[in-house]
């Protein structure tokens, strides 16, 4: 058993290190992302919310903005998201 553990550790240490992005859960990790500064998912939700808004799908846009707010890590981005969400909510109220 100790021989198996030793060989396993040796194999791990001898694996070549590549500069490619790692893949976790099927999505590539952007270069420069670390455990403490992971990929900001709120930017994906923000992009999706803007697409829905441009298509006139305001309820879906509001939901995507809410998801962006709940996952946002940056205060500057949070202000932008809240401002855009307020605009979409105004559009929704105006249409009713």
PDB file of N, CA and C in Angstrom:
ATOM      1  N   UNK A   1       0.811  -1.196   0.000  1.00  0.00           N
ATOM      2  CA  UNK A   1       0.000   0.000   0.000  1.00  0.00           C
ATOM      3  C   UNK A   1       0.858   1.265   0.000  1.00  0.00           C
ATOM      4  N   UNK A   2       1.911   1.359   0.824  1.00  0.00           N
ATOM      5  CA  UNK A   2       2.746   2.561   0.782  1.00  0.00           C
ATOM      6  C   UNK A   2       3.399   2.746  -0.592  1.00  0.00           C
ATOM      7  N   UNK A   3       3.704   1.637  -1.266  1.00  0.00           N
ATOM      8  CA  UNK A   3       4.317   1.731  -2.583  1.00  0.00           C
ATOM      9  C   UNK A   3       3.337   2.373  -3.575  1.00  0.00           C
ATOM     10  N   UNK A   4       2.036   2.021  -3.470  1.00  0.00           N
ATOM     11  CA  UNK A   4       1.019   2.592  -4.343  1.00  0.00           C
ATOM     12  C   UNK A   4       0.882   4.099  -4.115  1.00  0.00           C
ATOM     13  N   UNK A   5       0.872   4.516  -2.854  1.00  0.00           N
ATOM     14  CA  UNK A   5       0.770   5.942  -2.523  1.00  0.00           C
ATOM     15  C   UNK A   5       1.985   6.698  -3.054  1.00  0.00           C
ATOM     16  N   UNK A   6       3.167   6.113  -2.869  1.00  0.00           N
ATOM     17  CA  UNK A   6       4.393   6.742  -3.348  1.00  0.00           C
ATOM     18  C   UNK A   6       4.360   6.899  -4.866  1.00  0.00           C
ATOM     19  N   UNK A   7       3.942   5.859  -5.581  1.00  0.00           N
ATOM     20  CA  UNK A   7       3.883   5.921  -7.042  1.00  0.00           C
ATOM     21  C   UNK A   7       2.824   6.924  -7.517  1.00  0.00           C
ATOM     22  N   UNK A   8       1.722   7.006  -6.792  1.00  0.00           N
ATOM     23  CA  UNK A   8       0.677   7.971  -7.157  1.00  0.00           C
ATOM     24  C   UNK A   8       1.180   9.394  -7.017  1.00  0.00           C
ATOM     25  N   UNK A   9       1.849   9.672  -5.900  1.00  0.00           N
ATOM     26  CA  UNK A   9       2.392  11.018  -5.687  1.00  0.00           C
ATOM     27  C   UNK A   9       3.475  11.347  -6.707  1.00  0.00           C
ATOM     28  N   UNK A  10       4.290  10.373  -7.027  1.00  0.00           N
ATOM     29  CA  UNK A  10       5.333  10.573  -8.015  1.00  0.00           C
ATOM     30  C   UNK A  10       4.739  10.877  -9.389  1.00  0.00           C
ATOM     31  N   UNK A  11       3.673  10.168  -9.743  1.00  0.00           N
ATOM     32  CA  UNK A  11       3.013  10.398 -11.031  1.00  0.00           C
ATOM     33  C   UNK A  11       2.416  11.802 -11.090  1.00  0.00           C
ATOM     34  N   UNK A  12       1.829  12.245 -10.000  1.00  0.00           N
ATOM     35  CA  UNK A  12       1.247  13.587  -9.961  1.00  0.00           C
ATOM     36  C   UNK A  12       2.326  14.646 -10.110  1.00  0.00           C
ATOM     37  N   UNK A  13       3.437  14.447  -9.447  1.00  0.00           N
ATOM     38  CA  UNK A  13       4.524  15.426  -9.512  1.00  0.00           C
ATOM     39  C   UNK A  13       5.186  15.469 -10.880  1.00  0.00           C
ATOM     40  N   UNK A  14       5.166  14.369 -11.587  1.00  0.00           N
ATOM     41  CA  UNK A  14       5.825  14.306 -12.882  1.00  0.00           C
ATOM     42  C   UNK A  14       4.924  14.718 -14.045  1.00  0.00           C
ATOM     43  N   UNK A  15       3.640  14.975 -13.786  1.00  0.00           N
ATOM     44  CA  UNK A  15       2.752  15.418 -14.858  1.00  0.00           C
ATOM     45  C   UNK A  15       3.227  16.773 -15.377  1.00  0.00           C
ATOM     46  N   UNK A  16       3.232  16.948 -16.667  1.00  0.00           N
ATOM     47  CA  UNK A  16       3.689  18.228 -17.204  1.00  0.00           C
ATOM     48  C   UNK A  16       2.692  19.335 -16.883  1.00  0.00           C
ATOM     49  N   UNK A  17       3.205  20.465 -16.501  1.00  0.00           N
ATOM     50  CA  UNK A  17       2.360  21.633 -16.224  1.00  0.00           C
ATOM     51  C   UNK A  17       2.198  22.418 -17.515  1.00  0.00           C
ATOM     52  N   UNK A  18       0.953  22.645 -17.896  1.00  0.00           N
ATOM     53  CA  UNK A  18       0.689  23.408 -19.109  1.00  0.00           C
ATOM     54  C   UNK A  18       0.133  24.764 -18.734  1.00  0.00           C
ATOM     55  N   UNK A  19       0.212  25.705 -19.633  1.00  0.00           N
ATOM     56  CA  UNK A  19      -0.298  27.048 -19.394  1.00  0.00           C
ATOM     57  C   UNK A  19      -1.751  27.194 -19.792  1.00  0.00           C
ATOM     58  N   UNK A  20      -2.419  26.102 -20.123  1.00  0.00           N
ATOM     59  CA  UNK A  20      -3.813  26.164 -20.555  1.00  0.00           C
ATOM     60  C   UNK A  20      -4.733  26.383 -19.364  1.00  0.00           C
ATOM     61  N   UNK A  21      -5.914  26.930 -19.647  1.00  0.00           N
ATOM     62  CA  UNK A  21      -6.908  27.136 -18.600  1.00  0.00           C
ATOM     63  C   UNK A  21      -7.445  25.792 -18.147  1.00  0.00           C
ATOM     64  N   UNK A  22      -7.663  25.662 -16.862  1.00  0.00           N
ATOM     65  CA  UNK A  22      -8.229  24.442 -16.323  1.00  0.00           C
ATOM     66  C   UNK A  22      -9.731  24.447 -16.581  1.00  0.00           C
ATOM     67  N   UNK A  23     -10.307  23.263 -16.521  1.00  0.00           N
ATOM     68  CA  UNK A  23     -11.742  23.164 -16.726  1.00  0.00           C
ATOM     69  C   UNK A  23     -12.365  22.560 -15.481  1.00  0.00           C
ATOM     70  N   UNK A  24     -13.353  23.276 -14.924  1.00  0.00           N
ATOM     71  CA  UNK A  24     -14.089  22.798 -13.765  1.00  0.00           C
ATOM     72  C   UNK A  24     -15.558  22.868 -14.119  1.00  0.00           C
ATOM     73  N   UNK A  25     -16.252  21.788 -14.012  1.00  0.00           N
ATOM     74  CA  UNK A  25     -17.680  21.778 -14.296  1.00  0.00           C
ATOM     75  C   UNK A  25     -18.006  22.097 -15.738  1.00  0.00           C
ATOM     76  N   UNK A  26     -17.081  21.858 -16.650  1.00  0.00           N
ATOM     77  CA  UNK A  26     -17.340  22.077 -18.057  1.00  0.00           C
ATOM     78  C   UNK A  26     -17.055  23.488 -18.548  1.00  0.00           C
ATOM     79  N   UNK A  27     -16.784  24.424 -17.647  1.00  0.00           N
ATOM     80  CA  UNK A  27     -16.531  25.811 -18.058  1.00  0.00           C
ATOM     81  C   UNK A  27     -15.060  26.145 -17.833  1.00  0.00           C
ATOM     82  N   UNK A  28     -14.398  26.714 -18.826  1.00  0.00           N
ATOM     83  CA  UNK A  28     -12.987  27.054 -18.635  1.00  0.00           C
ATOM     84  C   UNK A  28     -12.826  28.211 -17.658  1.00  0.00           C
ATOM     85  N   UNK A  29     -11.777  28.133 -16.875  1.00  0.00           N
ATOM     86  CA  UNK A  29     -11.453  29.209 -15.940  1.00  0.00           C
ATOM     87  C   UNK A  29     -10.617  30.227 -16.693  1.00  0.00           C
ATOM     88  N   UNK A  30     -11.009  31.486 -16.659  1.00  0.00           N
ATOM     89  CA  UNK A  30     -10.241  32.506 -17.378  1.00  0.00           C
ATOM     90  C   UNK A  30      -8.824  32.629 -16.827  1.00  0.00           C
ATOM     91  N   UNK A  31      -7.852  32.964 -17.684  1.00  0.00           N
ATOM     92  CA  UNK A  31      -6.488  33.151 -17.202  1.00  0.00           C
ATOM     93  C   UNK A  31      -6.441  34.262 -16.169  1.00  0.00           C
ATOM     94  N   UNK A  32      -5.663  34.063 -15.142  1.00  0.00           N
ATOM     95  CA  UNK A  32      -5.503  35.072 -14.098  1.00  0.00           C
ATOM     96  C   UNK A  32      -6.478  34.904 -12.950  1.00  0.00           C
ATOM     97  N   UNK A  33      -7.460  34.020 -13.074  1.00  0.00           N
ATOM     98  CA  UNK A  33      -8.405  33.804 -11.991  1.00  0.00           C
ATOM     99  C   UNK A  33      -7.757  32.930 -10.933  1.00  0.00           C
ATOM    100  N   UNK A  34      -7.960  33.285  -9.690  1.00  0.00           N
ATOM    101  CA  UNK A  34      -7.426  32.498  -8.586  1.00  0.00           C
ATOM    102  C   UNK A  34      -8.574  32.086  -7.681  1.00  0.00           C
ATOM    103  N   UNK A  35      -8.258  31.323  -6.673  1.00  0.00           N
ATOM    104  CA  UNK A  35      -9.302  30.869  -5.755  1.00  0.00           C
ATOM    105  C   UNK A  35      -9.936  32.048  -5.030  1.00  0.00           C
ATOM    106  N   UNK A  36      -9.155  33.039  -4.661  1.00  0.00           N
ATOM    107  CA  UNK A  36      -9.712  34.178  -3.949  1.00  0.00           C
ATOM    108  C   UNK A  36     -10.385  35.162  -4.895  1.00  0.00           C
ATOM    109  N   UNK A  37      -9.971  35.174  -6.153  1.00  0.00           N
ATOM    110  CA  UNK A  37     -10.502  36.106  -7.145  1.00  0.00           C
ATOM    111  C   UNK A  37     -11.049  35.329  -8.317  1.00  0.00           C
ATOM    112  N   UNK A  38     -12.028  34.511  -8.075  1.00  0.00           N
ATOM    113  CA  UNK A  38     -12.576  33.661  -9.126  1.00  0.00           C
ATOM    114  C   UNK A  38     -13.313  34.451 -10.188  1.00  0.00           C
ATOM    115  N   UNK A  39     -13.767  33.743 -11.172  1.00  0.00           N
ATOM    116  CA  UNK A  39     -14.495  34.346 -12.284  1.00  0.00           C
ATOM    117  C   UNK A  39     -15.781  34.977 -11.777  1.00  0.00           C
ATOM    118  N   UNK A  40     -16.077  36.183 -12.204  1.00  0.00           N
ATOM    119  CA  UNK A  40     -17.252  36.912 -11.751  1.00  0.00           C
ATOM    120  C   UNK A  40     -18.445  36.536 -12.628  1.00  0.00           C
ATOM    121  N   UNK A  41     -19.324  35.711 -12.102  1.00  0.00           N
ATOM    122  CA  UNK A  41     -20.475  35.216 -12.841  1.00  0.00           C
ATOM    123  C   UNK A  41     -21.476  36.334 -13.114  1.00  0.00           C
ATOM    124  N   UNK A  42     -21.451  37.371 -12.288  1.00  0.00           N
ATOM    125  CA  UNK A  42     -22.428  38.448 -12.457  1.00  0.00           C
ATOM    126  C   UNK A  42     -22.305  39.121 -13.824  1.00  0.00           C
ATOM    127  N   UNK A  43     -21.125  39.090 -14.409  1.00  0.00           N
ATOM    128  CA  UNK A  43     -20.951  39.686 -15.732  1.00  0.00           C
ATOM    129  C   UNK A  43     -21.710  38.898 -16.799  1.00  0.00           C
ATOM    130  N   UNK A  44     -21.787  37.580 -16.633  1.00  0.00           N
ATOM    131  CA  UNK A  44     -22.585  36.763 -17.551  1.00  0.00           C
ATOM    132  C   UNK A  44     -24.067  37.092 -17.418  1.00  0.00           C
ATOM    133  N   UNK A  45     -24.530  37.221 -16.161  1.00  0.00           N
ATOM    134  CA  UNK A  45     -25.926  37.570 -15.935  1.00  0.00           C
ATOM    135  C   UNK A  45     -26.233  38.970 -16.470  1.00  0.00           C
ATOM    136  N   UNK A  46     -25.289  39.890 -16.318  1.00  0.00           N
ATOM    137  CA  UNK A  46     -25.481  41.248 -16.824  1.00  0.00           C
ATOM    138  C   UNK A  46     -25.600  41.243 -18.345  1.00  0.00           C
ATOM    139  N   UNK A  47     -24.746  40.494 -19.006  1.00  0.00           N
ATOM    140  CA  UNK A  47     -24.815  40.388 -20.462  1.00  0.00           C
ATOM    141  C   UNK A  47     -26.152  39.799 -20.890  1.00  0.00           C
ATOM    142  N   UNK A  48     -26.591  38.766 -20.192  1.00  0.00           N
ATOM    143  CA  UNK A  48     -27.853  38.129 -20.512  1.00  0.00           C
ATOM    144  C   UNK A  48     -29.026  39.088 -20.275  1.00  0.00           C
ATOM    145  N   UNK A  49     -28.978  39.839 -19.191  1.00  0.00           N
ATOM    146  CA  UNK A  49     -30.039  40.805 -18.891  1.00  0.00           C
ATOM    147  C   UNK A  49     -30.131  41.870 -19.970  1.00  0.00           C
ATOM    148  N   UNK A  50     -28.986  42.337 -20.453  1.00  0.00           N
ATOM    149  CA  UNK A  50     -28.984  43.345 -21.507  1.00  0.00           C
ATOM    150  C   UNK A  50     -29.546  42.790 -22.811  1.00  0.00           C
ATOM    151  N   UNK A  51     -29.246  41.533 -23.101  1.00  0.00           N
ATOM    152  CA  UNK A  51     -29.805  40.909 -24.304  1.00  0.00           C
ATOM    153  C   UNK A  51     -31.327  40.820 -24.208  1.00  0.00           C
ATOM    154  N   UNK A  52     -31.826  40.377 -23.050  1.00  0.00           N
ATOM    155  CA  UNK A  52     -33.274  40.300 -22.859  1.00  0.00           C
ATOM    156  C   UNK A  52     -33.912  41.688 -22.965  1.00  0.00           C
ATOM    157  N   UNK A  53     -33.269  42.689 -22.393  1.00  0.00           N
ATOM    158  CA  UNK A  53     -33.798  44.056 -22.447  1.00  0.00           C
ATOM    159  C   UNK A  53     -33.881  44.531 -23.885  1.00  0.00           C
ATOM    160  N   UNK A  54     -32.844  44.267 -24.665  1.00  0.00           N
ATOM    161  CA  UNK A  54     -32.834  44.689 -26.064  1.00  0.00           C
ATOM    162  C   UNK A  54     -33.902  43.968 -26.886  1.00  0.00           C
ATOM    163  N   UNK A  55     -34.255  42.753 -26.469  1.00  0.00           N
ATOM    164  CA  UNK A  55     -35.283  41.984 -27.162  1.00  0.00           C
ATOM    165  C   UNK A  55     -36.694  42.358 -26.707  1.00  0.00           C
ATOM    166  N   UNK A  56     -36.784  43.198 -25.669  1.00  0.00           N
ATOM    167  CA  UNK A  56     -38.096  43.579 -25.142  1.00  0.00           C
ATOM    168  C   UNK A  56     -38.654  42.580 -24.149  1.00  0.00           C
ATOM    169  N   UNK A  57     -37.848  41.692 -23.659  1.00  0.00           N
ATOM    170  CA  UNK A  57     -38.269  40.672 -22.697  1.00  0.00           C
ATOM    171  C   UNK A  57     -37.891  41.160 -21.299  1.00  0.00           C
ATOM    172  N   UNK A  58     -38.667  42.114 -20.810  1.00  0.00           N
ATOM    173  CA  UNK A  58     -38.293  42.857 -19.610  1.00  0.00           C
ATOM    174  C   UNK A  58     -38.371  42.042 -18.327  1.00  0.00           C
ATOM    175  N   UNK A  59     -39.333  41.130 -18.218  1.00  0.00           N
ATOM    176  CA  UNK A  59     -39.421  40.299 -17.005  1.00  0.00           C
ATOM    177  C   UNK A  59     -38.199  39.392 -16.876  1.00  0.00           C
ATOM    178  N   UNK A  60     -37.802  38.785 -17.983  1.00  0.00           N
ATOM    179  CA  UNK A  60     -36.599  37.937 -17.957  1.00  0.00           C
ATOM    180  C   UNK A  60     -35.360  38.782 -17.689  1.00  0.00           C
ATOM    181  N   UNK A  61     -35.353  39.974 -18.227  1.00  0.00           N
ATOM    182  CA  UNK A  61     -34.234  40.878 -17.995  1.00  0.00           C
ATOM    183  C   UNK A  61     -34.125  41.225 -16.512  1.00  0.00           C
ATOM    184  N   UNK A  62     -35.267  41.501 -15.879  1.00  0.00           N
ATOM    185  CA  UNK A  62     -35.257  41.835 -14.452  1.00  0.00           C
ATOM    186  C   UNK A  62     -34.745  40.666 -13.627  1.00  0.00           C
ATOM    187  N   UNK A  63     -35.132  39.453 -13.991  1.00  0.00           N
ATOM    188  CA  UNK A  63     -34.645  38.270 -13.271  1.00  0.00           C
ATOM    189  C   UNK A  63     -33.136  38.109 -13.423  1.00  0.00           C
ATOM    190  N   UNK A  64     -32.623  38.334 -14.631  1.00  0.00           N
ATOM    191  CA  UNK A  64     -31.181  38.215 -14.853  1.00  0.00           C
ATOM    192  C   UNK A  64     -30.425  39.297 -14.087  1.00  0.00           C
ATOM    193  N   UNK A  65     -31.002  40.511 -14.017  1.00  0.00           N
ATOM    194  CA  UNK A  65     -30.375  41.571 -13.217  1.00  0.00           C
ATOM    195  C   UNK A  65     -30.352  41.187 -11.739  1.00  0.00           C
ATOM    196  N   UNK A  66     -31.426  40.576 -11.250  1.00  0.00           N
ATOM    197  CA  UNK A  66     -31.470  40.143  -9.847  1.00  0.00           C
ATOM    198  C   UNK A  66     -30.388  39.097  -9.575  1.00  0.00           C
ATOM    199  N   UNK A  67     -30.184  38.188 -10.519  1.00  0.00           N
ATOM    200  CA  UNK A  67     -29.119  37.196 -10.353  1.00  0.00           C
ATOM    201  C   UNK A  67     -27.754  37.866 -10.390  1.00  0.00           C
ATOM    202  N   UNK A  68     -27.601  38.860 -11.236  1.00  0.00           N
ATOM    203  CA  UNK A  68     -26.327  39.577 -11.307  1.00  0.00           C
ATOM    204  C   UNK A  68     -26.044  40.292 -10.001  1.00  0.00           C
ATOM    205  N   UNK A  69     -27.068  40.887  -9.410  1.00  0.00           N
ATOM    206  CA  UNK A  69     -26.892  41.577  -8.129  1.00  0.00           C
ATOM    207  C   UNK A  69     -26.493  40.585  -7.040  1.00  0.00           C
ATOM    208  N   UNK A  70     -27.123  39.430  -7.020  1.00  0.00           N
ATOM    209  CA  UNK A  70     -26.848  38.462  -5.953  1.00  0.00           C
ATOM    210  C   UNK A  70     -25.464  37.835  -6.061  1.00  0.00           C
ATOM    211  N   UNK A  71     -24.862  37.871  -7.249  1.00  0.00           N
ATOM    212  CA  UNK A  71     -23.542  37.258  -7.405  1.00  0.00           C
ATOM    213  C   UNK A  71     -22.419  38.281  -7.589  1.00  0.00           C
ATOM    214  N   UNK A  72     -22.760  39.570  -7.584  1.00  0.00           N
ATOM    215  CA  UNK A  72     -21.760  40.607  -7.863  1.00  0.00           C
ATOM    216  C   UNK A  72     -20.759  40.740  -6.715  1.00  0.00           C
ATOM    217  N   UNK A  73     -19.493  40.917  -7.068  1.00  0.00           N
ATOM    218  CA  UNK A  73     -18.418  41.064  -6.083  1.00  0.00           C
ATOM    219  C   UNK A  73     -17.783  42.450  -6.105  1.00  0.00           C
ATOM    220  N   UNK A  74     -18.152  43.254  -7.069  1.00  0.00           N
ATOM    221  CA  UNK A  74     -17.499  44.535  -7.277  1.00  0.00           C
ATOM    222  C   UNK A  74     -18.513  45.649  -7.045  1.00  0.00           C
ATOM    223  N   UNK A  75     -18.169  46.619  -6.198  1.00  0.00           N
ATOM    224  CA  UNK A  75     -19.095  47.698  -5.866  1.00  0.00           C
ATOM    225  C   UNK A  75     -19.433  48.557  -7.081  1.00  0.00           C
ATOM    226  N   UNK A  76     -18.469  48.804  -7.939  1.00  0.00           N
ATOM    227  CA  UNK A  76     -18.726  49.618  -9.129  1.00  0.00           C
ATOM    228  C   UNK A  76     -19.692  48.913 -10.070  1.00  0.00           C
ATOM    229  N   UNK A  77     -19.493  47.625 -10.281  1.00  0.00           N
ATOM    230  CA  UNK A  77     -20.404  46.852 -11.121  1.00  0.00           C
ATOM    231  C   UNK A  77     -21.792  46.770 -10.495  1.00  0.00           C
ATOM    232  N   UNK A  78     -21.838  46.679  -9.174  1.00  0.00           N
ATOM    233  CA  UNK A  78     -23.118  46.598  -8.475  1.00  0.00           C
ATOM    234  C   UNK A  78     -23.949  47.852  -8.719  1.00  0.00           C
ATOM    235  N   UNK A  79     -23.309  49.020  -8.691  1.00  0.00           N
ATOM    236  CA  UNK A  79     -24.027  50.266  -8.955  1.00  0.00           C
ATOM    237  C   UNK A  79     -24.593  50.289 -10.373  1.00  0.00           C
ATOM    238  N   UNK A  80     -23.811  49.840 -11.334  1.00  0.00           N
ATOM    239  CA  UNK A  80     -24.266  49.807 -12.728  1.00  0.00           C
ATOM    240  C   UNK A  80     -25.452  48.859 -12.873  1.00  0.00           C
ATOM    241  N   UNK A  81     -25.340  47.684 -12.275  1.00  0.00           N
ATOM    242  CA  UNK A  81     -26.403  46.686 -12.382  1.00  0.00           C
ATOM    243  C   UNK A  81     -27.694  47.218 -11.752  1.00  0.00           C
ATOM    244  N   UNK A  82     -27.597  47.839 -10.569  1.00  0.00           N
ATOM    245  CA  UNK A  82     -28.777  48.368  -9.890  1.00  0.00           C
ATOM    246  C   UNK A  82     -29.430  49.483 -10.712  1.00  0.00           C
ATOM    247  N   UNK A  83     -28.614  50.332 -11.325  1.00  0.00           N
ATOM    248  CA  UNK A  83     -29.145  51.414 -12.148  1.00  0.00           C
ATOM    249  C   UNK A  83     -29.899  50.868 -13.363  1.00  0.00           C
ATOM    250  N   UNK A  84     -29.297  49.896 -14.025  1.00  0.00           N
ATOM    251  CA  UNK A  84     -29.945  49.312 -15.200  1.00  0.00           C
ATOM    252  C   UNK A  84     -31.210  48.548 -14.811  1.00  0.00           C
ATOM    253  N   UNK A  85     -31.184  47.882 -13.657  1.00  0.00           N
ATOM    254  CA  UNK A  85     -32.370  47.157 -13.195  1.00  0.00           C
ATOM    255  C   UNK A  85     -33.501  48.134 -12.883  1.00  0.00           C
ATOM    256  N   UNK A  86     -33.170  49.272 -12.301  1.00  0.00           N
ATOM    257  CA  UNK A  86     -34.190  50.286 -12.023  1.00  0.00           C
ATOM    258  C   UNK A  86     -34.839  50.764 -13.320  1.00  0.00           C
ATOM    259  N   UNK A  87     -34.049  50.897 -14.375  1.00  0.00           N
ATOM    260  CA  UNK A  87     -34.590  51.299 -15.667  1.00  0.00           C
ATOM    261  C   UNK A  87     -35.538  50.262 -16.236  1.00  0.00           C
ATOM    262  N   UNK A  88     -35.181  48.995 -16.085  1.00  0.00           N
ATOM    263  CA  UNK A  88     -36.050  47.920 -16.581  1.00  0.00           C
ATOM    264  C   UNK A  88     -37.336  47.857 -15.760  1.00  0.00           C
ATOM    265  N   UNK A  89     -37.233  48.040 -14.454  1.00  0.00           N
ATOM    266  CA  UNK A  89     -38.436  48.032 -13.617  1.00  0.00           C
ATOM    267  C   UNK A  89     -39.351  49.182 -13.984  1.00  0.00           C
ATOM    268  N   UNK A  90     -38.797  50.332 -14.329  1.00  0.00           N
ATOM    269  CA  UNK A  90     -39.593  51.467 -14.781  1.00  0.00           C
ATOM    270  C   UNK A  90     -40.305  51.135 -16.085  1.00  0.00           C
ATOM    271  N   UNK A  91     -39.607  50.480 -16.988  1.00  0.00           N
ATOM    272  CA  UNK A  91     -40.244  50.049 -18.243  1.00  0.00           C
ATOM    273  C   UNK A  91     -41.399  49.093 -17.984  1.00  0.00           C
ATOM    274  N   UNK A  92     -41.204  48.171 -17.054  1.00  0.00           N
ATOM    275  CA  UNK A  92     -42.250  47.195 -16.735  1.00  0.00           C
ATOM    276  C   UNK A  92     -43.474  47.915 -16.145  1.00  0.00           C
ATOM    277  N   UNK A  93     -43.248  48.842 -15.209  1.00  0.00           N
ATOM    278  CA  UNK A  93     -44.356  49.585 -14.611  1.00  0.00           C
ATOM    279  C   UNK A  93     -45.073  50.449 -15.639  1.00  0.00           C
ATOM    280  N   UNK A  94     -44.330  51.017 -16.574  1.00  0.00           N
ATOM    281  CA  UNK A  94     -44.927  51.869 -17.590  1.00  0.00           C
ATOM    282  C   UNK A  94     -45.812  51.083 -18.540  1.00  0.00           C
ATOM    283  N   UNK A  95     -45.413  49.851 -18.822  1.00  0.00           N
ATOM    284  CA  UNK A  95     -46.172  49.030 -19.768  1.00  0.00           C
ATOM    285  C   UNK A  95     -47.450  48.461 -19.173  1.00  0.00           C
ATOM    286  N   UNK A  96     -47.580  48.448 -17.859  1.00  0.00           N
ATOM    287  CA  UNK A  96     -48.779  47.864 -17.214  1.00  0.00           C
ATOM    288  C   UNK A  96     -49.914  48.817 -17.178  1.00  0.00           C
TER     289      UNK A  96
END
